[in-house]
Amino acid sequence: MAVTPRKLLDIVTVALDDGKAEDIKVFDVRKLTSIADFMVVASGRSSRQVKALAERAADAARKRKVKPLGMEGEQTSEWVLLDLGDVIVHVMQPESRAHYQLEKLWDAGPPITPVLNPPKAKPKTRARAEAAPAASATPAAAPTRARAKPATTTGPAKKVVAKKAVAKKAVAKKAVATKAPAAAKRQRATAKPAA
């Protein structure tokens, strides 16, 4: 199955975001040129990161069976151009990006929001799961609680927490035991001999 240009764009932007690329911009250039559908411009903080970001985007495309048509500039890594056919990726250092101002050259249409890694949903705790049905029930059917009980730790996790607490107490006792003899020594050393 062939990868659509939009899907390829999403693959590339996620790969760049995973590599900590900065200021990722996406441009729809279908009405401006026939060489590509989308243009991606991103920044890396150093020449190493710029090269790594371009390689990461190329690897992500290869995993989806899209062979890069070419990669230019990886020797100096101030500006690396990756040609994926329908998507062209420019990874630049901030100085080069400010100098060449590709955004002004290709920005003609409405901005496209790149697909980045979505934030992971918080897992439901036991208390939230129990509180959800109670909130949806009618007040006459079931009494509602003002607050849900906090989730308690059970099983192996409870043992780990208990072991950590015991270890903290042991460290605290050891610290007190080593400080007491040292304090007593200092008092004896500073005490005046009885005359």
N, C-alpha and C. Protein backbone atom coordinates (compact mmCIF):
# COMPACT_ATOMS: atom_id res chain seq x y z
N MET A 1 0.84 -1.19 0.00
CA MET A 1 0.00 0.00 0.00
C MET A 1 0.88 1.24 0.00
N ALA A 2 0.60 2.16 -0.88
CA ALA A 2 1.39 3.38 -1.01
C ALA A 2 1.04 4.36 0.11
N VAL A 3 2.04 5.10 0.51
CA VAL A 3 1.85 6.10 1.56
C VAL A 3 1.42 7.39 0.89
N THR A 4 0.33 7.98 1.37
CA THR A 4 -0.15 9.24 0.81
C THR A 4 0.78 10.37 1.23
N PRO A 5 0.80 11.47 0.47
CA PRO A 5 1.65 12.59 0.84
C PRO A 5 1.35 13.11 2.26
N ARG A 6 0.07 13.15 2.63
CA ARG A 6 -0.29 13.66 3.97
C ARG A 6 0.22 12.71 5.06
N LYS A 7 0.12 11.40 4.82
CA LYS A 7 0.60 10.42 5.79
C LYS A 7 2.12 10.51 5.90
N LEU A 8 2.80 10.68 4.79
CA LEU A 8 4.26 10.84 4.79
C LEU A 8 4.66 12.10 5.56
N LEU A 9 3.89 13.15 5.38
CA LEU A 9 4.13 14.39 6.12
C LEU A 9 4.02 14.13 7.62
N ASP A 10 2.98 13.41 8.04
CA ASP A 10 2.80 13.11 9.46
C ASP A 10 3.95 12.25 10.00
N ILE A 11 4.41 11.29 9.21
CA ILE A 11 5.53 10.43 9.63
C ILE A 11 6.78 11.27 9.85
N VAL A 12 7.05 12.18 8.93
CA VAL A 12 8.25 13.01 9.02
C VAL A 12 8.18 13.97 10.20
N THR A 13 7.04 14.61 10.40
CA THR A 13 6.95 15.58 11.51
C THR A 13 7.04 14.89 12.87
N VAL A 14 6.48 13.69 12.98
CA VAL A 14 6.60 12.95 14.25
C VAL A 14 8.06 12.56 14.48
N ALA A 15 8.76 12.13 13.43
CA ALA A 15 10.17 11.77 13.57
C ALA A 15 11.01 12.98 13.98
N LEU A 16 10.74 14.13 13.39
CA LEU A 16 11.47 15.34 13.76
C LEU A 16 11.18 15.75 15.20
N ASP A 17 9.92 15.63 15.59
CA ASP A 17 9.55 15.97 16.96
C ASP A 17 10.20 15.02 17.96
N ASP A 18 10.27 13.74 17.62
CA ASP A 18 10.93 12.76 18.49
C ASP A 18 12.41 13.10 18.66
N GLY A 19 13.02 13.65 17.64
CA GLY A 19 14.43 14.04 17.70
C GLY A 19 14.66 15.40 18.31
N LYS A 20 13.63 15.99 18.89
CA LYS A 20 13.71 17.30 19.57
C LYS A 20 14.02 18.44 18.61
N ALA A 21 13.46 18.37 17.40
CA ALA A 21 13.60 19.48 16.47
C ALA A 21 12.82 20.68 17.02
N GLU A 22 13.30 21.85 16.71
CA GLU A 22 12.66 23.08 17.19
C GLU A 22 11.94 23.77 16.04
N ASP A 23 10.86 24.45 16.37
CA ASP A 23 10.14 25.32 15.44
C ASP A 23 9.82 24.62 14.11
N ILE A 24 9.09 23.53 14.18
CA ILE A 24 8.72 22.77 12.98
C ILE A 24 7.58 23.50 12.28
N LYS A 25 7.80 23.85 11.01
CA LYS A 25 6.78 24.52 10.19
C LYS A 25 6.49 23.66 8.97
N VAL A 26 5.21 23.60 8.60
CA VAL A 26 4.78 22.82 7.45
C VAL A 26 4.07 23.76 6.48
N PHE A 27 4.41 23.63 5.18
CA PHE A 27 3.80 24.47 4.15
C PHE A 27 3.20 23.60 3.06
N ASP A 28 1.97 23.92 2.68
CA ASP A 28 1.31 23.26 1.56
C ASP A 28 1.69 24.05 0.31
N VAL A 29 2.53 23.44 -0.55
CA VAL A 29 3.05 24.16 -1.71
C VAL A 29 2.47 23.62 -3.02
N ARG A 30 1.35 22.90 -2.96
CA ARG A 30 0.75 22.32 -4.16
C ARG A 30 0.34 23.39 -5.18
N LYS A 31 -0.11 24.55 -4.69
CA LYS A 31 -0.54 25.61 -5.60
C LYS A 31 0.63 26.47 -6.08
N LEU A 32 1.80 26.31 -5.45
CA LEU A 32 2.95 27.14 -5.79
C LEU A 32 3.94 26.45 -6.72
N THR A 33 4.05 25.13 -6.61
CA THR A 33 5.04 24.41 -7.40
C THR A 33 4.59 22.98 -7.64
N SER A 34 5.18 22.35 -8.64
CA SER A 34 4.85 20.95 -8.94
C SER A 34 5.92 19.99 -8.41
N ILE A 35 6.95 20.52 -7.78
CA ILE A 35 8.04 19.64 -7.32
C ILE A 35 7.67 18.85 -6.07
N ALA A 36 6.73 19.35 -5.27
CA ALA A 36 6.34 18.65 -4.04
C ALA A 36 4.97 19.14 -3.60
N ASP A 37 4.36 18.37 -2.70
CA ASP A 37 3.08 18.77 -2.12
C ASP A 37 3.27 19.56 -0.83
N PHE A 38 4.26 19.12 -0.04
CA PHE A 38 4.49 19.76 1.26
C PHE A 38 5.96 20.06 1.46
N MET A 39 6.21 21.13 2.20
CA MET A 39 7.56 21.54 2.55
C MET A 39 7.60 21.62 4.07
N VAL A 40 8.62 21.00 4.68
CA VAL A 40 8.80 21.02 6.13
C VAL A 40 10.11 21.74 6.42
N VAL A 41 10.05 22.69 7.35
CA VAL A 41 11.25 23.41 7.78
C VAL A 41 11.34 23.24 9.29
N ALA A 42 12.53 22.79 9.75
CA ALA A 42 12.76 22.59 11.18
C ALA A 42 14.17 23.01 11.54
N SER A 43 14.39 23.29 12.81
CA SER A 43 15.71 23.71 13.28
C SER A 43 16.30 22.70 14.25
N GLY A 44 17.63 22.61 14.20
CA GLY A 44 18.39 21.83 15.16
C GLY A 44 19.40 22.74 15.82
N ARG A 45 19.76 22.45 17.05
CA ARG A 45 20.63 23.35 17.81
C ARG A 45 22.10 23.27 17.40
N SER A 46 22.53 22.17 16.81
CA SER A 46 23.94 22.02 16.42
C SER A 46 24.01 21.27 15.10
N SER A 47 25.21 21.23 14.52
CA SER A 47 25.37 20.52 13.24
C SER A 47 25.11 19.02 13.43
N ARG A 48 25.49 18.49 14.57
CA ARG A 48 25.22 17.07 14.84
C ARG A 48 23.73 16.79 14.91
N GLN A 49 22.99 17.67 15.58
CA GLN A 49 21.55 17.45 15.70
C GLN A 49 20.86 17.62 14.35
N VAL A 50 21.31 18.58 13.55
CA VAL A 50 20.72 18.79 12.22
C VAL A 50 20.88 17.53 11.38
N LYS A 51 22.08 16.97 11.38
CA LYS A 51 22.33 15.75 10.61
C LYS A 51 21.51 14.58 11.15
N ALA A 52 21.45 14.45 12.47
CA ALA A 52 20.69 13.36 13.09
C ALA A 52 19.20 13.48 12.80
N LEU A 53 18.68 14.71 12.82
CA LEU A 53 17.26 14.91 12.53
C LEU A 53 16.93 14.51 11.09
N ALA A 54 17.77 14.89 10.15
CA ALA A 54 17.54 14.53 8.75
C ALA A 54 17.60 13.01 8.57
N GLU A 55 18.56 12.37 9.22
CA GLU A 55 18.68 10.91 9.13
C GLU A 55 17.48 10.23 9.78
N ARG A 56 17.01 10.79 10.89
CA ARG A 56 15.83 10.23 11.57
C ARG A 56 14.60 10.30 10.67
N ALA A 57 14.42 11.43 9.99
CA ALA A 57 13.28 11.58 9.08
C ALA A 57 13.40 10.60 7.90
N ALA A 58 14.62 10.44 7.37
CA ALA A 58 14.83 9.51 6.26
C ALA A 58 14.57 8.07 6.70
N ASP A 59 15.02 7.71 7.90
CA ASP A 59 14.79 6.35 8.41
C ASP A 59 13.30 6.08 8.63
N ALA A 60 12.59 7.08 9.14
CA ALA A 60 11.15 6.92 9.35
C ALA A 60 10.44 6.69 8.02
N ALA A 61 10.87 7.38 6.97
CA ALA A 61 10.28 7.20 5.65
C ALA A 61 10.62 5.81 5.10
N ARG A 62 11.87 5.38 5.29
CA ARG A 62 12.28 4.06 4.80
C ARG A 62 11.47 2.95 5.46
N LYS A 63 11.16 3.12 6.75
CA LYS A 63 10.37 2.10 7.46
C LYS A 63 8.99 1.94 6.83
N ARG A 64 8.49 3.00 6.20
CA ARG A 64 7.19 2.95 5.52
C ARG A 64 7.34 2.69 4.02
N LYS A 65 8.51 2.18 3.64
CA LYS A 65 8.79 1.81 2.25
C LYS A 65 8.82 3.00 1.29
N VAL A 66 9.21 4.17 1.80
CA VAL A 66 9.38 5.35 0.96
C VAL A 66 10.88 5.61 0.87
N LYS A 67 11.43 5.47 -0.32
CA LYS A 67 12.86 5.65 -0.51
C LYS A 67 13.17 7.13 -0.75
N PRO A 68 14.06 7.72 0.07
CA PRO A 68 14.44 9.12 -0.16
C PRO A 68 15.10 9.28 -1.53
N LEU A 69 14.70 10.32 -2.25
CA LEU A 69 15.26 10.57 -3.57
C LEU A 69 16.64 11.20 -3.48
N GLY A 70 16.90 11.90 -2.38
CA GLY A 70 18.21 12.51 -2.21
C GLY A 70 18.32 13.23 -0.89
N MET A 71 19.59 13.38 -0.46
CA MET A 71 19.87 14.14 0.76
C MET A 71 21.10 14.98 0.48
N GLU A 72 21.00 16.26 0.72
CA GLU A 72 22.08 17.20 0.43
C GLU A 72 22.50 17.94 1.69
N GLY A 73 23.78 18.22 1.82
CA GLY A 73 24.27 19.08 2.90
C GLY A 73 24.64 18.39 4.18
N GLU A 74 24.68 17.04 4.19
CA GLU A 74 24.98 16.37 5.46
C GLU A 74 26.46 16.47 5.84
N GLN A 75 27.33 16.91 4.92
CA GLN A 75 28.74 17.07 5.26
C GLN A 75 28.95 18.25 6.22
N THR A 76 28.36 19.39 5.90
CA THR A 76 28.54 20.57 6.76
C THR A 76 27.44 20.64 7.82
N SER A 77 26.29 20.13 7.50
CA SER A 77 25.13 20.04 8.41
C SER A 77 24.67 21.38 8.96
N GLU A 78 24.84 22.43 8.18
CA GLU A 78 24.22 23.71 8.55
C GLU A 78 22.79 23.73 8.03
N TRP A 79 22.62 23.10 6.86
CA TRP A 79 21.32 23.01 6.23
C TRP A 79 21.28 21.68 5.49
N VAL A 80 20.43 20.78 5.91
CA VAL A 80 20.30 19.49 5.24
C VAL A 80 18.93 19.45 4.58
N LEU A 81 18.94 19.13 3.27
CA LEU A 81 17.72 19.01 2.50
C LEU A 81 17.47 17.53 2.24
N LEU A 82 16.28 17.06 2.59
CA LEU A 82 15.88 15.68 2.37
C LEU A 82 14.70 15.68 1.41
N ASP A 83 14.88 15.03 0.25
CA ASP A 83 13.83 14.98 -0.76
C ASP A 83 13.15 13.62 -0.69
N LEU A 84 11.88 13.62 -0.31
CA LEU A 84 11.09 12.39 -0.22
C LEU A 84 10.03 12.34 -1.31
N GLY A 85 10.22 13.12 -2.36
CA GLY A 85 9.25 13.15 -3.46
C GLY A 85 8.14 14.14 -3.18
N ASP A 86 7.07 13.70 -2.55
CA ASP A 86 5.94 14.57 -2.26
C ASP A 86 6.19 15.51 -1.08
N VAL A 87 7.20 15.17 -0.27
CA VAL A 87 7.53 15.99 0.90
C VAL A 87 9.02 16.31 0.85
N ILE A 88 9.32 17.58 0.98
CA ILE A 88 10.72 18.02 1.05
C ILE A 88 10.96 18.57 2.44
N VAL A 89 12.04 18.11 3.07
CA VAL A 89 12.35 18.47 4.44
C VAL A 89 13.63 19.29 4.47
N HIS A 90 13.56 20.46 5.11
CA HIS A 90 14.73 21.30 5.32
C HIS A 90 15.01 21.32 6.82
N VAL A 91 16.17 20.83 7.22
CA VAL A 91 16.58 20.89 8.63
C VAL A 91 17.78 21.82 8.68
N MET A 92 17.65 22.90 9.46
CA MET A 92 18.65 23.95 9.44
C MET A 92 19.07 24.37 10.85
N GLN A 93 20.27 24.91 10.93
CA GLN A 93 20.67 25.55 12.17
C GLN A 93 19.97 26.92 12.21
N PRO A 94 19.71 27.44 13.41
CA PRO A 94 18.95 28.69 13.50
C PRO A 94 19.55 29.86 12.71
N GLU A 95 20.88 29.94 12.65
CA GLU A 95 21.52 31.04 11.91
C GLU A 95 21.22 30.95 10.41
N SER A 96 21.33 29.75 9.86
CA SER A 96 21.02 29.55 8.43
C SER A 96 19.55 29.79 8.15
N ARG A 97 18.72 29.36 9.07
CA ARG A 97 17.28 29.55 8.87
C ARG A 97 16.91 31.03 8.87
N ALA A 98 17.52 31.79 9.75
CA ALA A 98 17.25 33.23 9.80
C ALA A 98 17.78 33.92 8.54
N HIS A 99 18.91 33.45 8.04
CA HIS A 99 19.53 34.08 6.87
C HIS A 99 18.71 33.81 5.59
N TYR A 100 18.32 32.56 5.36
CA TYR A 100 17.65 32.20 4.11
C TYR A 100 16.14 32.45 4.12
N GLN A 101 15.53 32.49 5.26
CA GLN A 101 14.11 32.82 5.44
C GLN A 101 13.20 32.06 4.46
N LEU A 102 13.29 30.73 4.51
CA LEU A 102 12.45 29.90 3.62
C LEU A 102 10.97 30.07 3.92
N GLU A 103 10.63 30.39 5.16
CA GLU A 103 9.23 30.58 5.51
C GLU A 103 8.59 31.68 4.67
N LYS A 104 9.32 32.76 4.44
CA LYS A 104 8.78 33.86 3.63
C LYS A 104 8.62 33.46 2.18
N LEU A 105 9.51 32.62 1.70
CA LEU A 105 9.48 32.20 0.30
C LEU A 105 8.30 31.28 0.01
N TRP A 106 7.99 30.35 0.91
CA TRP A 106 6.98 29.34 0.66
C TRP A 106 5.66 29.55 1.38
N ASP A 107 5.56 30.54 2.21
CA ASP A 107 4.34 30.76 2.98
C ASP A 107 3.33 31.57 2.17
N ALA A 108 2.38 30.86 1.54
CA ALA A 108 1.37 31.55 0.75
C ALA A 108 -0.04 31.19 1.18
N GLY A 109 -0.20 30.01 1.72
CA GLY A 109 -1.54 29.55 2.09
C GLY A 109 -1.72 29.51 3.59
N PRO A 110 -2.82 28.94 4.00
CA PRO A 110 -3.07 28.82 5.43
C PRO A 110 -2.05 27.86 6.06
N PRO A 111 -1.65 28.14 7.28
CA PRO A 111 -0.65 27.28 7.91
C PRO A 111 -1.21 25.89 8.20
N ILE A 112 -0.34 24.90 8.11
CA ILE A 112 -0.71 23.52 8.42
C ILE A 112 -0.11 23.18 9.76
N THR A 113 -0.93 22.68 10.64
CA THR A 113 -0.42 22.28 11.95
C THR A 113 0.21 20.91 11.83
N PRO A 114 1.51 20.79 12.15
CA PRO A 114 2.14 19.48 12.03
C PRO A 114 1.61 18.51 13.07
N VAL A 115 1.57 17.24 12.70
CA VAL A 115 1.15 16.21 13.64
C VAL A 115 2.37 15.84 14.46
N LEU A 116 2.29 16.08 15.73
CA LEU A 116 3.38 15.74 16.63
C LEU A 116 2.89 14.63 17.54
N ASN A 117 3.77 14.12 18.37
CA ASN A 117 3.36 13.06 19.28
C ASN A 117 2.30 13.59 20.22
N PRO A 118 1.12 12.98 20.21
CA PRO A 118 0.05 13.46 21.09
C PRO A 118 0.39 13.14 22.54
N PRO A 119 -0.06 13.98 23.48
CA PRO A 119 0.19 13.68 24.89
C PRO A 119 -0.54 12.40 25.26
N LYS A 120 0.13 11.60 26.08
CA LYS A 120 -0.47 10.33 26.48
C LYS A 120 -1.55 10.58 27.51
N ALA A 121 -2.65 9.85 27.35
CA ALA A 121 -3.78 9.99 28.27
C ALA A 121 -3.39 9.40 29.63
N LYS A 122 -3.84 10.06 30.67
CA LYS A 122 -3.56 9.57 32.01
C LYS A 122 -4.40 8.32 32.25
N PRO A 123 -3.77 7.28 32.81
CA PRO A 123 -4.57 6.09 33.09
C PRO A 123 -5.55 6.36 34.22
N LYS A 124 -6.72 5.75 34.11
CA LYS A 124 -7.72 5.96 35.15
C LYS A 124 -7.29 5.25 36.42
N THR A 125 -7.36 5.97 37.50
CA THR A 125 -7.08 5.33 38.78
C THR A 125 -8.35 4.64 39.24
N ARG A 126 -8.18 3.81 40.21
CA ARG A 126 -9.32 3.06 40.73
C ARG A 126 -10.39 4.00 41.28
N ALA A 127 -9.95 5.06 41.95
CA ALA A 127 -10.89 6.01 42.54
C ALA A 127 -11.69 6.73 41.46
N ARG A 128 -11.03 7.10 40.35
CA ARG A 128 -11.74 7.79 39.27
C ARG A 128 -12.74 6.86 38.60
N ALA A 129 -12.36 5.61 38.43
CA ALA A 129 -13.24 4.64 37.78
C ALA A 129 -14.49 4.40 38.64
N GLU A 130 -14.31 4.37 39.96
CA GLU A 130 -15.46 4.16 40.84
C GLU A 130 -16.34 5.41 40.90
N ALA A 131 -15.71 6.59 40.84
CA ALA A 131 -16.45 7.83 40.96
C ALA A 131 -17.25 8.14 39.70
N ALA A 132 -16.78 7.69 38.53
CA ALA A 132 -17.46 8.01 37.27
C ALA A 132 -18.87 7.45 37.21
N PRO A 133 -19.11 6.18 37.54
CA PRO A 133 -20.50 5.70 37.50
C PRO A 133 -21.38 6.39 38.54
N ALA A 134 -20.82 6.72 39.69
CA ALA A 134 -21.61 7.38 40.73
C ALA A 134 -22.06 8.76 40.27
N ALA A 135 -21.22 9.44 39.52
CA ALA A 135 -21.57 10.78 39.05
C ALA A 135 -22.65 10.72 37.97
N SER A 136 -22.66 9.65 37.18
CA SER A 136 -23.65 9.58 36.10
C SER A 136 -25.01 9.07 36.58
N ALA A 137 -25.04 8.45 37.76
CA ALA A 137 -26.31 7.94 38.28
C ALA A 137 -27.16 9.10 38.78
N THR A 138 -28.45 8.86 38.87
CA THR A 138 -29.34 9.91 39.36
C THR A 138 -29.18 10.04 40.87
N PRO A 139 -29.42 11.23 41.43
CA PRO A 139 -29.23 11.41 42.87
C PRO A 139 -30.13 10.52 43.70
N ALA A 140 -31.32 10.20 43.23
CA ALA A 140 -32.23 9.37 44.02
C ALA A 140 -31.78 7.92 44.02
N ALA A 141 -31.11 7.47 42.96
CA ALA A 141 -30.74 6.07 42.84
C ALA A 141 -29.54 5.73 43.72
N ALA A 142 -28.56 6.61 43.79
CA ALA A 142 -27.37 6.30 44.58
C ALA A 142 -26.85 7.58 45.22
N PRO A 143 -26.39 7.49 46.45
CA PRO A 143 -25.83 8.68 47.08
C PRO A 143 -24.50 9.03 46.43
N THR A 144 -24.24 10.32 46.26
CA THR A 144 -22.99 10.76 45.68
C THR A 144 -22.03 11.19 46.77
N ARG A 145 -20.76 10.96 46.51
CA ARG A 145 -19.72 11.36 47.46
C ARG A 145 -19.18 12.72 47.06
N ALA A 146 -18.79 13.47 48.07
CA ALA A 146 -18.20 14.78 47.80
C ALA A 146 -16.80 14.60 47.19
N ARG A 147 -16.06 13.59 47.67
CA ARG A 147 -14.72 13.34 47.17
C ARG A 147 -14.53 11.86 46.94
N ALA A 148 -13.77 11.54 45.94
CA ALA A 148 -13.43 10.13 45.71
C ALA A 148 -12.28 9.76 46.62
N LYS A 149 -12.23 8.53 47.06
CA LYS A 149 -11.14 8.07 47.92
C LYS A 149 -9.87 7.99 47.07
N PRO A 150 -8.74 8.34 47.64
CA PRO A 150 -7.50 8.19 46.87
C PRO A 150 -7.20 6.72 46.64
N ALA A 151 -6.56 6.43 45.52
CA ALA A 151 -6.23 5.05 45.20
C ALA A 151 -5.18 4.54 46.18
N THR A 152 -5.34 3.32 46.62
CA THR A 152 -4.38 2.74 47.54
C THR A 152 -3.46 1.81 46.78
N THR A 153 -2.25 1.66 47.29
CA THR A 153 -1.28 0.80 46.66
C THR A 153 -1.48 -0.62 47.16
N THR A 154 -1.50 -1.57 46.23
CA THR A 154 -1.67 -2.96 46.62
C THR A 154 -0.63 -3.82 45.92
N GLY A 155 -0.49 -5.03 46.41
CA GLY A 155 0.37 -6.02 45.75
C GLY A 155 1.84 -5.66 45.84
N PRO A 156 2.60 -6.00 44.78
CA PRO A 156 4.05 -5.79 44.77
C PRO A 156 4.44 -4.34 44.95
N ALA A 157 3.65 -3.41 44.43
CA ALA A 157 3.98 -2.00 44.58
C ALA A 157 3.95 -1.58 46.04
N LYS A 158 3.03 -2.16 46.82
CA LYS A 158 2.94 -1.84 48.24
C LYS A 158 4.19 -2.32 48.96
N LYS A 159 4.71 -3.49 48.57
CA LYS A 159 5.92 -4.02 49.19
C LYS A 159 7.12 -3.12 48.89
N VAL A 160 7.21 -2.61 47.67
CA VAL A 160 8.31 -1.72 47.30
C VAL A 160 8.26 -0.45 48.13
N VAL A 161 7.07 0.11 48.28
CA VAL A 161 6.90 1.34 49.06
C VAL A 161 7.31 1.08 50.51
N ALA A 162 6.90 -0.07 51.05
CA ALA A 162 7.24 -0.41 52.43
C ALA A 162 8.74 -0.60 52.59
N LYS A 163 9.40 -1.24 51.65
CA LYS A 163 10.85 -1.43 51.71
C LYS A 163 11.58 -0.10 51.66
N LYS A 164 11.10 0.83 50.84
CA LYS A 164 11.73 2.15 50.76
C LYS A 164 11.60 2.89 52.08
N ALA A 165 10.44 2.77 52.72
CA ALA A 165 10.24 3.44 54.00
C ALA A 165 11.17 2.86 55.06
N VAL A 166 11.34 1.55 55.10
CA VAL A 166 12.24 0.90 56.05
C VAL A 166 13.67 1.35 55.78
N ALA A 167 14.06 1.41 54.50
CA ALA A 167 15.42 1.83 54.15
C ALA A 167 15.67 3.27 54.59
N LYS A 168 14.70 4.16 54.43
CA LYS A 168 14.87 5.56 54.85
C LYS A 168 15.07 5.65 56.36
N LYS A 169 14.30 4.86 57.12
CA LYS A 169 14.45 4.87 58.58
C LYS A 169 15.82 4.37 58.98
N ALA A 170 16.33 3.34 58.31
CA ALA A 170 17.64 2.80 58.63
C ALA A 170 18.73 3.83 58.35
N VAL A 171 18.62 4.54 57.26
CA VAL A 171 19.61 5.57 56.92
C VAL A 171 19.57 6.69 57.95
N ALA A 172 18.37 7.09 58.36
CA ALA A 172 18.23 8.15 59.36
C ALA A 172 18.84 7.72 60.69
N LYS A 173 18.61 6.47 61.13
CA LYS A 173 19.18 5.98 62.38
C LYS A 173 20.69 5.95 62.32
N LYS A 174 21.23 5.51 61.17
CA LYS A 174 22.67 5.44 61.01
C LYS A 174 23.29 6.84 61.07
N ALA A 175 22.63 7.80 60.47
CA ALA A 175 23.14 9.18 60.48
C ALA A 175 23.16 9.73 61.90
N VAL A 176 22.12 9.45 62.67
CA VAL A 176 22.07 9.92 64.06
C VAL A 176 23.16 9.23 64.87
N ALA A 177 23.36 7.93 64.66
CA ALA A 177 24.36 7.18 65.41
C ALA A 177 25.77 7.66 65.13
N THR A 178 26.07 8.06 63.89
CA THR A 178 27.41 8.52 63.57
C THR A 178 27.64 9.96 64.02
N LYS A 179 26.60 10.75 64.11
CA LYS A 179 26.75 12.15 64.55
C LYS A 179 26.96 12.24 66.05
N ALA A 180 26.32 11.38 66.84
CA ALA A 180 26.41 11.46 68.30
C ALA A 180 27.84 11.24 68.80
N PRO A 181 28.58 10.20 68.40
CA PRO A 181 29.94 10.04 68.88
C PRO A 181 30.85 11.19 68.43
N ALA A 182 30.64 11.70 67.23
CA ALA A 182 31.48 12.80 66.76
C ALA A 182 31.23 14.05 67.60
N ALA A 183 30.00 14.32 67.96
CA ALA A 183 29.68 15.48 68.80
C ALA A 183 30.29 15.32 70.19
N ALA A 184 30.25 14.11 70.74
CA ALA A 184 30.83 13.87 72.06
C ALA A 184 32.34 14.08 72.01
N LYS A 185 33.01 13.66 70.94
CA LYS A 185 34.46 13.86 70.80
C LYS A 185 34.79 15.35 70.78
N ARG A 186 34.00 16.12 70.06
CA ARG A 186 34.26 17.56 69.97
C ARG A 186 34.11 18.21 71.34
N GLN A 187 33.13 17.78 72.10
CA GLN A 187 32.93 18.36 73.43
C GLN A 187 34.12 18.04 74.32
N ARG A 188 34.62 16.81 74.27
CA ARG A 188 35.77 16.45 75.10
C ARG A 188 37.00 17.21 74.68
N ALA A 189 37.19 17.43 73.39
CA ALA A 189 38.38 18.12 72.92
C ALA A 189 38.36 19.59 73.32
N THR A 190 37.19 20.20 73.35
CA THR A 190 37.11 21.63 73.67
C THR A 190 36.96 21.88 75.18
N ALA A 191 36.67 20.81 75.94
CA ALA A 191 36.50 20.99 77.40
C ALA A 191 37.85 21.29 78.06
N LYS A 192 37.82 22.15 79.05
CA LYS A 192 39.06 22.50 79.76
C LYS A 192 39.34 21.43 80.81
N PRO A 193 40.60 21.05 80.96
CA PRO A 193 40.94 20.09 82.00
C PRO A 193 40.67 20.67 83.38
N ALA A 194 40.19 19.81 84.30
CA ALA A 194 39.87 20.26 85.66
C ALA A 194 41.17 20.56 86.41
N ALA A 195 41.23 21.65 87.12
CA ALA A 195 42.44 22.02 87.83
C ALA A 195 42.30 21.85 89.31
